[in-house]
Amino acid sequence: MGIELLLIFLARTTDMTLSTIRQVLTVRGYKYLTPFIAFFEIVIWALAASKVLAGIAENPLRLIAYALGFSFGIFLGSIIEEKLAFGNVVIQAIMKKENSNKIINKLKEEGHGVTATSTCNELIVIITIYAKRKLYKDIIKTIKEIQEDSVITMADLKSVQNGYIRGLTK
């Protein structure tokens, strides 16, 4: 009985981990990879669900194992997806002009493409960087090391036409 509950939990954890990753990849445009993930996800789900539904009256703990696997699978899938860091981001940093050249030069030394725009009062500079999502923490760290109070925003990017993204374009 204990092994059966563990298998239900592990199956549901696996299918929900795959589901979480698949959903993120679908939104990011990986339309050729996601059907393969979905296939394995649904096969595992069907096996786990049938085990629970066929014996829920005899052992209600099957439902608990199933629900725990669902919850843990979402958690685990989120962690794995964050580590894989598929996709691109656009990072904008608003900063004082006196520090902007130092930040821009440091980011360029690190291989990032940087676009700078001065505001109308010329005291503030907005820099924009398109980057692989895997690199965003390093970029933010570089900016914060030079000017801690920079206002930094980041957004997922569906596509980029032209321009430069380190590791993606030449």
Protein backbone atom coordinates (compact mmCIF):
# COMPACT_ATOMS: atom_id res chain seq x y z
CA MET A 1 0.00 0.00 0.00
CA GLY A 2 2.79 2.47 0.89
CA ILE A 3 4.61 1.84 -2.39
CA GLU A 4 1.39 2.41 -4.32
CA LEU A 5 0.89 5.80 -2.65
CA LEU A 6 4.49 6.72 -3.38
CA LEU A 7 4.10 5.76 -7.04
CA ILE A 8 0.92 7.85 -7.35
CA PHE A 9 2.71 10.80 -5.74
CA LEU A 10 5.75 10.42 -8.02
CA ALA A 11 3.66 10.00 -11.16
CA ARG A 12 1.59 13.09 -10.39
CA THR A 13 4.72 15.06 -9.46
CA THR A 14 6.28 14.09 -12.78
CA ASP A 15 3.26 14.94 -14.92
CA MET A 16 2.73 18.31 -13.19
CA THR A 17 6.43 19.16 -13.48
CA LEU A 18 6.19 18.46 -17.21
CA SER A 19 2.94 20.43 -17.41
CA THR A 20 4.46 23.50 -15.76
CA ILE A 21 7.49 23.45 -18.04
CA ARG A 22 5.31 22.82 -21.11
CA GLN A 23 3.03 25.75 -20.34
CA VAL A 24 5.95 28.15 -19.97
CA LEU A 25 7.54 26.87 -23.18
CA THR A 26 4.25 27.22 -25.03
CA VAL A 27 3.96 30.87 -24.01
CA ARG A 28 7.59 31.43 -25.07
CA GLY A 29 6.89 30.04 -28.54
CA TYR A 30 8.54 26.59 -28.44
CA LYS A 31 5.74 25.08 -30.52
CA TYR A 32 7.74 22.09 -31.79
CA LEU A 33 8.98 20.92 -28.39
CA THR A 34 5.76 21.24 -26.38
CA PRO A 35 3.73 18.50 -28.13
CA PHE A 36 6.38 15.93 -27.18
CA ILE A 37 6.28 17.04 -23.56
CA ALA A 38 2.47 16.97 -23.64
CA PHE A 39 2.46 13.38 -24.90
CA PHE A 40 4.47 12.08 -21.93
CA GLU A 41 2.60 14.35 -19.54
CA ILE A 42 -0.81 12.93 -20.49
CA VAL A 43 0.34 9.29 -20.50
CA ILE A 44 1.69 9.67 -16.95
CA TRP A 45 -1.44 11.56 -15.87
CA ALA A 46 -3.76 8.87 -17.24
CA LEU A 47 -1.88 6.14 -15.40
CA ALA A 48 -1.91 8.04 -12.11
CA ALA A 49 -5.55 9.16 -12.40
CA SER A 50 -6.76 5.66 -13.25
CA LYS A 51 -4.97 4.25 -10.21
CA VAL A 52 -6.61 6.82 -7.94
CA LEU A 53 -10.12 6.58 -9.40
CA ALA A 54 -10.13 2.77 -9.48
CA GLY A 55 -9.34 2.46 -5.78
CA ILE A 56 -10.41 5.66 -4.06
CA ALA A 57 -13.18 3.94 -2.06
CA GLU A 58 -10.77 1.32 -0.69
CA ASN A 59 -8.02 3.77 0.11
CA PRO A 60 -8.82 7.50 0.26
CA LEU A 61 -5.13 8.20 0.87
CA ARG A 62 -4.67 7.71 -2.89
CA LEU A 63 -6.42 11.05 -3.40
CA ILE A 64 -4.10 12.71 -0.86
CA ALA A 65 -1.01 11.28 -2.60
CA TYR A 66 -2.41 12.49 -5.93
CA ALA A 67 -3.09 16.01 -4.60
CA LEU A 68 0.33 16.24 -2.94
CA GLY A 69 1.99 15.16 -6.19
CA PHE A 70 0.02 17.85 -8.05
CA SER A 71 1.20 20.57 -5.66
CA PHE A 72 4.80 19.42 -5.50
CA GLY A 73 4.95 19.00 -9.29
CA ILE A 74 4.01 22.64 -9.84
CA PHE A 75 6.65 23.72 -7.32
CA LEU A 76 9.33 21.48 -8.85
CA GLY A 77 8.41 22.48 -12.42
CA SER A 78 8.77 26.16 -11.51
CA ILE A 79 12.22 25.59 -10.05
CA ILE A 80 13.39 23.56 -13.06
CA GLU A 81 12.01 26.11 -15.54
CA GLU A 82 13.76 28.93 -13.71
CA LYS A 83 17.06 27.01 -13.88
CA LEU A 84 16.62 26.25 -17.60
CA ALA A 85 15.73 29.94 -18.22
CA PHE A 86 14.44 29.56 -21.77
CA GLY A 87 13.84 32.70 -23.82
CA ASN A 88 14.93 36.29 -23.97
CA VAL A 89 14.31 39.37 -21.85
CA VAL A 90 14.51 43.11 -22.25
CA ILE A 91 16.06 44.93 -19.31
CA GLN A 92 15.75 48.67 -18.83
CA ALA A 93 17.67 50.63 -16.23
CA ILE A 94 17.04 54.25 -15.37
CA MET A 95 20.09 55.90 -13.84
CA LYS A 96 21.94 59.12 -13.15
CA LYS A 97 23.91 60.31 -16.14
CA GLU A 98 27.22 60.48 -14.24
CA ASN A 99 27.30 56.69 -13.82
CA SER A 100 25.79 55.70 -17.15
CA ASN A 101 28.98 55.53 -19.24
CA LYS A 102 30.71 53.37 -16.65
CA ILE A 103 27.75 50.95 -16.63
CA ILE A 104 27.40 50.95 -20.42
CA ASN A 105 31.12 50.29 -20.92
CA LYS A 106 31.15 47.49 -18.33
CA LEU A 107 28.12 45.80 -19.94
CA LYS A 108 29.73 46.10 -23.39
CA GLU A 109 32.97 44.60 -22.00
CA GLU A 110 30.86 41.66 -20.83
CA GLY A 111 29.58 41.26 -24.41
CA HIS A 112 26.10 42.75 -24.10
CA GLY A 113 24.49 45.04 -26.64
CA VAL A 114 23.38 48.25 -24.93
CA THR A 115 21.23 51.12 -26.17
CA ALA A 116 21.26 54.38 -24.18
CA THR A 117 18.70 57.15 -24.31
CA SER A 118 19.05 60.50 -22.54
CA THR A 119 15.99 62.11 -21.05
CA CYS A 120 15.00 65.64 -22.02
CA ASN A 121 16.68 67.17 -18.94
CA GLU A 122 19.89 65.21 -19.72
CA LEU A 123 20.33 64.25 -16.04
CA ILE A 124 18.90 60.76 -16.43
CA VAL A 125 19.82 57.99 -18.86
CA ILE A 126 17.74 54.95 -19.74
CA ILE A 127 19.68 51.94 -20.97
CA THR A 128 18.07 49.01 -22.74
CA ILE A 129 19.61 45.55 -23.03
CA TYR A 130 18.15 42.57 -24.89
CA ALA A 131 19.54 39.38 -23.38
CA LYS A 132 19.15 35.65 -23.00
CA ARG A 133 17.09 35.04 -19.87
CA LYS A 134 19.96 33.00 -18.41
CA LEU A 135 22.07 36.17 -18.21
CA TYR A 136 19.67 38.59 -16.54
CA LYS A 137 21.02 38.15 -12.98
CA ASP A 138 24.56 38.97 -14.11
CA ILE A 139 23.38 42.06 -15.97
CA ILE A 140 21.42 43.36 -12.98
CA LYS A 141 24.38 42.64 -10.70
CA THR A 142 26.69 44.67 -12.96
CA ILE A 143 24.30 47.63 -12.94
CA LYS A 144 23.76 47.49 -9.15
CA GLU A 145 27.50 47.27 -8.44
CA ILE A 146 28.00 50.65 -10.09
CA GLN A 147 24.74 52.38 -9.22
CA GLU A 148 22.72 50.66 -6.52
CA ASP A 149 19.70 52.97 -6.80
CA SER A 150 19.10 52.38 -10.52
CA VAL A 151 15.48 51.66 -11.35
CA ILE A 152 15.55 48.33 -13.20
CA THR A 153 12.71 46.64 -15.04
CA MET A 154 12.69 43.37 -16.91
CA ALA A 155 10.13 41.82 -19.22
CA ASP A 156 9.93 38.62 -21.24
CA LEU A 157 10.54 39.08 -24.93
CA LYS A 158 8.62 37.10 -27.53
CA SER A 159 10.90 37.98 -30.44
CA VAL A 160 13.64 40.35 -31.55
CA GLN A 161 14.17 41.49 -35.11
CA ASN A 162 17.68 42.76 -35.81
CA GLY A 163 19.73 44.12 -32.93
CA TYR A 164 22.20 42.23 -30.78
CA ILE A 165 21.68 39.55 -28.14
CA ARG A 166 24.81 37.99 -26.65
CA GLY A 167 25.01 34.33 -27.60
CA LEU A 168 22.25 34.61 -30.17
CA THR A 169 23.36 37.11 -32.81
CA LYS A 170 26.70 38.16 -34.24
